[in-house]
PDB file of N, CA and C in Angstrom:
ATOM      1  N   UNK A   1     222.751  69.197 -11.619  1.00  0.00           N
ATOM      2  CA  UNK A   1     222.671  70.069 -10.469  1.00  0.00           C
ATOM      3  C   UNK A   1     224.078  70.401  -9.976  1.00  0.00           C
ATOM      4  N   UNK A   2     224.242  71.652  -9.597  1.00  0.00           N
ATOM      5  CA  UNK A   2     225.509  72.114  -9.043  1.00  0.00           C
ATOM      6  C   UNK A   2     225.263  72.675  -7.658  1.00  0.00           C
ATOM      7  N   UNK A   3     226.335  72.771  -6.899  1.00  0.00           N
ATOM      8  CA  UNK A   3     226.228  73.303  -5.550  1.00  0.00           C
ATOM      9  C   UNK A   3     227.176  74.488  -5.379  1.00  0.00           C
ATOM     10  N   UNK A   4     226.707  75.488  -4.671  1.00  0.00           N
ATOM     11  CA  UNK A   4     227.514  76.652  -4.365  1.00  0.00           C
ATOM     12  C   UNK A   4     228.658  76.232  -3.444  1.00  0.00           C
ATOM     13  N   UNK A   5     229.896  76.561  -3.810  1.00  0.00           N
ATOM     14  CA  UNK A   5     231.015  76.181  -2.948  1.00  0.00           C
ATOM     15  C   UNK A   5     231.056  76.983  -1.640  1.00  0.00           C
ATOM     16  N   UNK A   6     230.322  78.072  -1.585  1.00  0.00           N
ATOM     17  CA  UNK A   6     230.320  78.909  -0.390  1.00  0.00           C
ATOM     18  C   UNK A   6     229.289  78.445   0.642  1.00  0.00           C
ATOM     19  N   UNK A   7     228.029  78.239   0.188  1.00  0.00           N
ATOM     20  CA  UNK A   7     226.968  77.890   1.144  1.00  0.00           C
ATOM     21  C   UNK A   7     226.383  76.500   0.931  1.00  0.00           C
ATOM     22  N   UNK A   8     226.716  75.845  -0.190  1.00  0.00           N
ATOM     23  CA  UNK A   8     226.229  74.503  -0.463  1.00  0.00           C
ATOM     24  C   UNK A   8     224.855  74.440  -1.099  1.00  0.00           C
ATOM     25  N   UNK A   9     224.268  75.587  -1.407  1.00  0.00           N
ATOM     26  CA  UNK A   9     222.935  75.615  -2.012  1.00  0.00           C
ATOM     27  C   UNK A   9     222.952  74.948  -3.380  1.00  0.00           C
ATOM     28  N   UNK A  10     221.860  74.293  -3.705  1.00  0.00           N
ATOM     29  CA  UNK A  10     221.710  73.667  -5.017  1.00  0.00           C
ATOM     30  C   UNK A  10     221.380  74.737  -6.047  1.00  0.00           C
ATOM     31  N   UNK A  11     222.111  74.700  -7.161  1.00  0.00           N
ATOM     32  CA  UNK A  11     221.886  75.662  -8.243  1.00  0.00           C
ATOM     33  C   UNK A  11     221.511  74.894  -9.495  1.00  0.00           C
ATOM     34  N   UNK A  12     220.363  75.220 -10.058  1.00  0.00           N
ATOM     35  CA  UNK A  12     219.893  74.578 -11.278  1.00  0.00           C
ATOM     36  C   UNK A  12     220.402  75.403 -12.463  1.00  0.00           C
ATOM     37  N   UNK A  13     221.465  74.913 -13.097  1.00  0.00           N
ATOM     38  CA  UNK A  13     222.099  75.643 -14.188  1.00  0.00           C
ATOM     39  C   UNK A  13     221.966  74.873 -15.490  1.00  0.00           C
ATOM     40  N   UNK A  14     221.760  75.610 -16.585  1.00  0.00           N
ATOM     41  CA  UNK A  14     221.665  74.998 -17.914  1.00  0.00           C
ATOM     42  C   UNK A  14     223.088  74.837 -18.466  1.00  0.00           C
ATOM     43  N   UNK A  15     223.540  73.610 -18.579  1.00  0.00           N
ATOM     44  CA  UNK A  15     224.907  73.317 -19.003  1.00  0.00           C
ATOM     45  C   UNK A  15     225.225  73.906 -20.375  1.00  0.00           C
ATOM     46  N   UNK A  16     224.233  74.048 -21.247  1.00  0.00           N
ATOM     47  CA  UNK A  16     224.457  74.585 -22.579  1.00  0.00           C
ATOM     48  C   UNK A  16     224.808  76.074 -22.557  1.00  0.00           C
ATOM     49  N   UNK A  17     224.411  76.773 -21.504  1.00  0.00           N
ATOM     50  CA  UNK A  17     224.646  78.219 -21.418  1.00  0.00           C
ATOM     51  C   UNK A  17     225.905  78.575 -20.629  1.00  0.00           C
ATOM     52  N   UNK A  18     226.593  77.577 -20.089  1.00  0.00           N
ATOM     53  CA  UNK A  18     227.755  77.839 -19.247  1.00  0.00           C
ATOM     54  C   UNK A  18     229.027  77.857 -20.078  1.00  0.00           C
ATOM     55  N   UNK A  19     229.916  78.817 -19.757  1.00  0.00           N
ATOM     56  CA  UNK A  19     231.210  78.883 -20.404  1.00  0.00           C
ATOM     57  C   UNK A  19     232.236  79.408 -19.410  1.00  0.00           C
ATOM     58  N   UNK A  20     233.492  79.046 -19.616  1.00  0.00           N
ATOM     59  CA  UNK A  20     234.554  79.484 -18.726  1.00  0.00           C
ATOM     60  C   UNK A  20     234.645  81.006 -18.722  1.00  0.00           C
ATOM     61  N   UNK A  21     234.819  81.572 -17.537  1.00  0.00           N
ATOM     62  CA  UNK A  21     234.919  83.020 -17.390  1.00  0.00           C
ATOM     63  C   UNK A  21     233.605  83.692 -17.068  1.00  0.00           C
ATOM     64  N   UNK A  22     232.496  82.977 -17.246  1.00  0.00           N
ATOM     65  CA  UNK A  22     231.178  83.515 -16.940  1.00  0.00           C
ATOM     66  C   UNK A  22     231.038  83.667 -15.430  1.00  0.00           C
ATOM     67  N   UNK A  23     230.486  84.802 -14.992  1.00  0.00           N
ATOM     68  CA  UNK A  23     230.275  85.041 -13.567  1.00  0.00           C
ATOM     69  C   UNK A  23     228.780  84.937 -13.283  1.00  0.00           C
ATOM     70  N   UNK A  24     228.451  84.095 -12.303  1.00  0.00           N
ATOM     71  CA  UNK A  24     227.061  83.938 -11.882  1.00  0.00           C
ATOM     72  C   UNK A  24     226.981  84.218 -10.384  1.00  0.00           C
ATOM     73  N   UNK A  25     225.779  84.453  -9.908  1.00  0.00           N
ATOM     74  CA  UNK A  25     225.575  84.686  -8.476  1.00  0.00           C
ATOM     75  C   UNK A  25     224.765  83.541  -7.893  1.00  0.00           C
ATOM     76  N   UNK A  26     225.116  83.139  -6.691  1.00  0.00           N
ATOM     77  CA  UNK A  26     224.363  82.109  -5.995  1.00  0.00           C
ATOM     78  C   UNK A  26     223.017  82.691  -5.595  1.00  0.00           C
ATOM     79  N   UNK A  27     221.928  81.986  -5.875  1.00  0.00           N
ATOM     80  CA  UNK A  27     220.605  82.514  -5.524  1.00  0.00           C
ATOM     81  C   UNK A  27     220.347  82.547  -4.018  1.00  0.00           C
ATOM     82  N   UNK A  28     221.114  81.793  -3.246  1.00  0.00           N
ATOM     83  CA  UNK A  28     220.909  81.738  -1.796  1.00  0.00           C
ATOM     84  C   UNK A  28     221.758  82.758  -1.046  1.00  0.00           C
ATOM     85  N   UNK A  29     223.084  82.741  -1.276  1.00  0.00           N
ATOM     86  CA  UNK A  29     223.974  83.609  -0.493  1.00  0.00           C
ATOM     87  C   UNK A  29     224.476  84.819  -1.274  1.00  0.00           C
ATOM     88  N   UNK A  30     224.142  84.890  -2.563  1.00  0.00           N
ATOM     89  CA  UNK A  30     224.469  86.022  -3.443  1.00  0.00           C
ATOM     90  C   UNK A  30     225.964  86.216  -3.683  1.00  0.00           C
ATOM     91  N   UNK A  31     226.788  85.215  -3.370  1.00  0.00           N
ATOM     92  CA  UNK A  31     228.210  85.320  -3.662  1.00  0.00           C
ATOM     93  C   UNK A  31     228.401  85.192  -5.175  1.00  0.00           C
ATOM     94  N   UNK A  32     229.361  85.942  -5.726  1.00  0.00           N
ATOM     95  CA  UNK A  32     229.662  85.846  -7.148  1.00  0.00           C
ATOM     96  C   UNK A  32     230.625  84.691  -7.380  1.00  0.00           C
ATOM     97  N   UNK A  33     230.319  83.894  -8.395  1.00  0.00           N
ATOM     98  CA  UNK A  33     231.109  82.716  -8.734  1.00  0.00           C
ATOM     99  C   UNK A  33     231.537  82.792 -10.185  1.00  0.00           C
ATOM    100  N   UNK A  34     232.825  82.610 -10.433  1.00  0.00           N
ATOM    101  CA  UNK A  34     233.321  82.557 -11.801  1.00  0.00           C
ATOM    102  C   UNK A  34     233.489  81.104 -12.198  1.00  0.00           C
ATOM    103  N   UNK A  35     233.009  80.759 -13.381  1.00  0.00           N
ATOM    104  CA  UNK A  35     233.160  79.395 -13.881  1.00  0.00           C
ATOM    105  C   UNK A  35     234.584  79.256 -14.415  1.00  0.00           C
ATOM    106  N   UNK A  36     235.353  78.359 -13.815  1.00  0.00           N
ATOM    107  CA  UNK A  36     236.736  78.153 -14.230  1.00  0.00           C
ATOM    108  C   UNK A  36     236.903  76.889 -15.066  1.00  0.00           C
ATOM    109  N   UNK A  37     235.897  76.009 -15.030  1.00  0.00           N
ATOM    110  CA  UNK A  37     235.930  74.794 -15.834  1.00  0.00           C
ATOM    111  C   UNK A  37     234.493  74.340 -16.046  1.00  0.00           C
ATOM    112  N   UNK A  38     234.173  73.909 -17.260  1.00  0.00           N
ATOM    113  CA  UNK A  38     232.800  73.479 -17.536  1.00  0.00           C
ATOM    114  C   UNK A  38     232.623  71.974 -17.460  1.00  0.00           C
ATOM    115  N   UNK A  39     233.689  71.194 -17.649  1.00  0.00           N
ATOM    116  CA  UNK A  39     233.597  69.730 -17.591  1.00  0.00           C
ATOM    117  C   UNK A  39     234.765  69.162 -16.819  1.00  0.00           C
ATOM    118  N   UNK A  40     234.657  68.851 -15.569  1.00  0.00           N
ATOM    119  CA  UNK A  40     233.495  69.023 -14.694  1.00  0.00           C
ATOM    120  C   UNK A  40     233.334  70.494 -14.312  1.00  0.00           C
ATOM    121  N   UNK A  41     232.124  70.833 -13.925  1.00  0.00           N
ATOM    122  CA  UNK A  41     231.813  72.206 -13.573  1.00  0.00           C
ATOM    123  C   UNK A  41     232.519  72.602 -12.276  1.00  0.00           C
ATOM    124  N   UNK A  42     233.362  73.656 -12.378  1.00  0.00           N
ATOM    125  CA  UNK A  42     234.096  74.151 -11.222  1.00  0.00           C
ATOM    126  C   UNK A  42     233.940  75.657 -11.128  1.00  0.00           C
ATOM    127  N   UNK A  43     233.811  76.143  -9.895  1.00  0.00           N
ATOM    128  CA  UNK A  43     233.650  77.574  -9.648  1.00  0.00           C
ATOM    129  C   UNK A  43     234.826  78.115  -8.854  1.00  0.00           C
ATOM    130  N   UNK A  44     235.064  79.396  -9.018  1.00  0.00           N
ATOM    131  CA  UNK A  44     236.009  80.133  -8.194  1.00  0.00           C
ATOM    132  C   UNK A  44     235.223  81.258  -7.541  1.00  0.00           C
ATOM    133  N   UNK A  45     235.263  81.346  -6.218  1.00  0.00           N
ATOM    134  CA  UNK A  45     234.524  82.389  -5.508  1.00  0.00           C
ATOM    135  C   UNK A  45     235.237  83.718  -5.735  1.00  0.00           C
ATOM    136  N   UNK A  46     234.479  84.718  -6.173  1.00  0.00           N
ATOM    137  CA  UNK A  46     235.033  86.051  -6.357  1.00  0.00           C
ATOM    138  C   UNK A  46     234.838  86.803  -5.054  1.00  0.00           C
ATOM    139  N   UNK A  47     235.957  87.111  -4.408  1.00  0.00           N
ATOM    140  CA  UNK A  47     235.935  87.781  -3.120  1.00  0.00           C
ATOM    141  C   UNK A  47     235.940  89.292  -3.352  1.00  0.00           C
ATOM    142  N   UNK A  48     234.873  89.978  -2.910  1.00  0.00           N
ATOM    143  CA  UNK A  48     234.787  91.422  -3.101  1.00  0.00           C
ATOM    144  C   UNK A  48     235.908  92.146  -2.381  1.00  0.00           C
ATOM    145  N   UNK A  49     236.378  91.622  -1.252  1.00  0.00           N
ATOM    146  CA  UNK A  49     237.473  92.256  -0.527  1.00  0.00           C
ATOM    147  C   UNK A  49     238.744  92.259  -1.360  1.00  0.00           C
ATOM    148  N   UNK A  50     238.963  91.202  -2.144  1.00  0.00           N
ATOM    149  CA  UNK A  50     240.132  91.153  -3.014  1.00  0.00           C
ATOM    150  C   UNK A  50     240.095  92.279  -4.022  1.00  0.00           C
ATOM    151  N   UNK A  51     238.923  92.515  -4.634  1.00  0.00           N
ATOM    152  CA  UNK A  51     238.784  93.586  -5.604  1.00  0.00           C
ATOM    153  C   UNK A  51     239.074  94.933  -4.968  1.00  0.00           C
ATOM    154  N   UNK A  52     238.573  95.156  -3.751  1.00  0.00           N
ATOM    155  CA  UNK A  52     238.814  96.408  -3.060  1.00  0.00           C
ATOM    156  C   UNK A  52     240.289  96.556  -2.738  1.00  0.00           C
ATOM    157  N   UNK A  53     240.961  95.468  -2.345  1.00  0.00           N
ATOM    158  CA  UNK A  53     242.386  95.519  -2.050  1.00  0.00           C
ATOM    159  C   UNK A  53     243.178  95.883  -3.302  1.00  0.00           C
ATOM    160  N   UNK A  54     242.804  95.330  -4.450  1.00  0.00           N
ATOM    161  CA  UNK A  54     243.487  95.649  -5.694  1.00  0.00           C
ATOM    162  C   UNK A  54     243.295  97.112  -6.048  1.00  0.00           C
ATOM    163  N   UNK A  55     242.075  97.638  -5.870  1.00  0.00           N
ATOM    164  CA  UNK A  55     241.814  99.039  -6.154  1.00  0.00           C
ATOM    165  C   UNK A  55     242.649  99.928  -5.242  1.00  0.00           C
ATOM    166  N   UNK A  56     242.740  99.586  -3.988  1.00  0.00           N
ATOM    167  CA  UNK A  56     243.525 100.363  -3.037  1.00  0.00           C
ATOM    168  C   UNK A  56     244.996 100.324  -3.420  1.00  0.00           C
ATOM    169  N   UNK A  57     245.490  99.184  -3.845  1.00  0.00           N
ATOM    170  CA  UNK A  57     246.881  99.063  -4.264  1.00  0.00           C
ATOM    171  C   UNK A  57     247.140  99.926  -5.491  1.00  0.00           C
ATOM    172  N   UNK A  58     246.197  99.958  -6.433  1.00  0.00           N
ATOM    173  CA  UNK A  58     246.349 100.796  -7.617  1.00  0.00           C
ATOM    174  C   UNK A  58     246.401 102.263  -7.238  1.00  0.00           C
ATOM    175  N   UNK A  59     245.547 102.692  -6.309  1.00  0.00           N
ATOM    176  CA  UNK A  59     245.548 104.077  -5.864  1.00  0.00           C
ATOM    177  C   UNK A  59     246.867 104.410  -5.185  1.00  0.00           C
ATOM    178  N   UNK A  60     247.422 103.488  -4.397  1.00  0.00           N
ATOM    179  CA  UNK A  60     248.691 103.689  -3.713  1.00  0.00           C
ATOM    180  C   UNK A  60     249.802 103.846  -4.745  1.00  0.00           C
ATOM    181  N   UNK A  61     249.798 103.042  -5.807  1.00  0.00           N
ATOM    182  CA  UNK A  61     250.796 103.147  -6.856  1.00  0.00           C
ATOM    183  C   UNK A  61     250.731 104.515  -7.526  1.00  0.00           C
ATOM    184  N   UNK A  62     249.521 105.013  -7.773  1.00  0.00           N
ATOM    185  CA  UNK A  62     249.348 106.327  -8.380  1.00  0.00           C
ATOM    186  C   UNK A  62     249.919 107.406  -7.484  1.00  0.00           C
ATOM    187  N   UNK A  63     249.694 107.305  -6.163  1.00  0.00           N
ATOM    188  CA  UNK A  63     250.224 108.281  -5.223  1.00  0.00           C
ATOM    189  C   UNK A  63     251.750 108.223  -5.210  1.00  0.00           C
ATOM    190  N   UNK A  64     252.326 107.018  -5.274  1.00  0.00           N
ATOM    191  CA  UNK A  64     253.781 106.873  -5.296  1.00  0.00           C
ATOM    192  C   UNK A  64     254.362 107.528  -6.535  1.00  0.00           C
ATOM    193  N   UNK A  65     253.683 107.389  -7.674  1.00  0.00           N
ATOM    194  CA  UNK A  65     254.148 108.019  -8.903  1.00  0.00           C
ATOM    195  C   UNK A  65     254.192 109.530  -8.751  1.00  0.00           C
ATOM    196  N   UNK A  66     253.186 110.102  -8.110  1.00  0.00           N
ATOM    197  CA  UNK A  66     253.157 111.543  -7.895  1.00  0.00           C
ATOM    198  C   UNK A  66     254.285 111.971  -6.971  1.00  0.00           C
ATOM    199  N   UNK A  67     254.560 111.193  -5.931  1.00  0.00           N
ATOM    200  CA  UNK A  67     255.632 111.515  -4.999  1.00  0.00           C
ATOM    201  C   UNK A  67     256.981 111.483  -5.696  1.00  0.00           C
ATOM    202  N   UNK A  68     257.188 110.540  -6.599  1.00  0.00           N
ATOM    203  CA  UNK A  68     258.449 110.447  -7.320  1.00  0.00           C
ATOM    204  C   UNK A  68     258.685 111.691  -8.158  1.00  0.00           C
ATOM    205  N   UNK A  69     257.636 112.250  -8.742  1.00  0.00           N
ATOM    206  CA  UNK A  69     257.770 113.459  -9.541  1.00  0.00           C
ATOM    207  C   UNK A  69     258.245 114.626  -8.683  1.00  0.00           C
ATOM    208  N   UNK A  70     257.830 114.679  -7.418  1.00  0.00           N
ATOM    209  CA  UNK A  70     258.212 115.764  -6.524  1.00  0.00           C
ATOM    210  C   UNK A  70     259.677 115.685  -6.139  1.00  0.00           C
ATOM    211  N   UNK A  71     260.280 114.491  -6.192  1.00  0.00           N
ATOM    212  CA  UNK A  71     261.664 114.303  -5.772  1.00  0.00           C
ATOM    213  C   UNK A  71     262.665 114.598  -6.888  1.00  0.00           C
ATOM    214  N   UNK A  72     262.217 114.926  -8.071  1.00  0.00           N
ATOM    215  CA  UNK A  72     263.092 115.167  -9.209  1.00  0.00           C
ATOM    216  C   UNK A  72     263.853 116.472  -9.001  1.00  0.00           C
ATOM    217  N   UNK A  73     265.202 116.427  -8.881  1.00  0.00           N
ATOM    218  CA  UNK A  73     265.964 117.658  -8.620  1.00  0.00           C
ATOM    219  C   UNK A  73     265.886 118.653  -9.771  1.00  0.00           C
ATOM    220  N   UNK A  74     265.564 118.207 -10.960  1.00  0.00           N
ATOM    221  CA  UNK A  74     265.441 119.123 -12.090  1.00  0.00           C
ATOM    222  C   UNK A  74     264.248 120.050 -11.968  1.00  0.00           C
ATOM    223  N   UNK A  75     263.306 119.701 -11.107  1.00  0.00           N
ATOM    224  CA  UNK A  75     262.109 120.513 -10.936  1.00  0.00           C
ATOM    225  C   UNK A  75     262.281 121.591  -9.868  1.00  0.00           C
ATOM    226  N   UNK A  76     263.400 121.573  -9.119  1.00  0.00           N
ATOM    227  CA  UNK A  76     263.597 122.543  -8.058  1.00  0.00           C
ATOM    228  C   UNK A  76     263.845 123.931  -8.636  1.00  0.00           C
ATOM    229  N   UNK A  77     263.398 124.946  -7.922  1.00  0.00           N
ATOM    230  CA  UNK A  77     263.605 126.324  -8.374  1.00  0.00           C
ATOM    231  C   UNK A  77     265.059 126.716  -8.158  1.00  0.00           C
ATOM    232  N   UNK A  78     265.570 127.556  -9.034  1.00  0.00           N
ATOM    233  CA  UNK A  78     266.931 128.057  -8.902  1.00  0.00           C
ATOM    234  C   UNK A  78     266.906 129.193  -7.895  1.00  0.00           C
ATOM    235  N   UNK A  79     267.616 129.025  -6.772  1.00  0.00           N
ATOM    236  CA  UNK A  79     267.611 130.058  -5.752  1.00  0.00           C
ATOM    237  C   UNK A  79     268.770 131.022  -5.888  1.00  0.00           C
ATOM    238  N   UNK A  80     269.566 130.885  -6.935  1.00  0.00           N
ATOM    239  CA  UNK A  80     270.652 131.806  -7.193  1.00  0.00           C
ATOM    240  C   UNK A  80     271.969 131.371  -6.585  1.00  0.00           C
ATOM    241  N   UNK A  81     271.992 130.356  -5.776  1.00  0.00           N
ATOM    242  CA  UNK A  81     273.232 129.869  -5.178  1.00  0.00           C
ATOM    243  C   UNK A  81     273.709 128.633  -5.943  1.00  0.00           C
ATOM    244  N   UNK A  82     274.967 128.617  -6.304  1.00  0.00           N
ATOM    245  CA  UNK A  82     275.500 127.459  -7.031  1.00  0.00           C
ATOM    246  C   UNK A  82     276.683 126.899  -6.333  1.00  0.00           C
TER     247      UNK A  82
END
């Protein structure tokens, strides 16, 4: 028997089917848990807010890349003054 690290609920898991990296959900609180060790069985809580923060950071990086392209002096139009 294992217990959810988030809510403490008892989880009946088949040890033969468990492997590191496998993500399961707690039947009581529905939190996603990644198995980080099988002997002894250890879980890492997957925080959905973390995933959203990473996605937002990736979008911000993409926007920064676009802004950098706009600052390139080689892209400016020639106005005839030198």
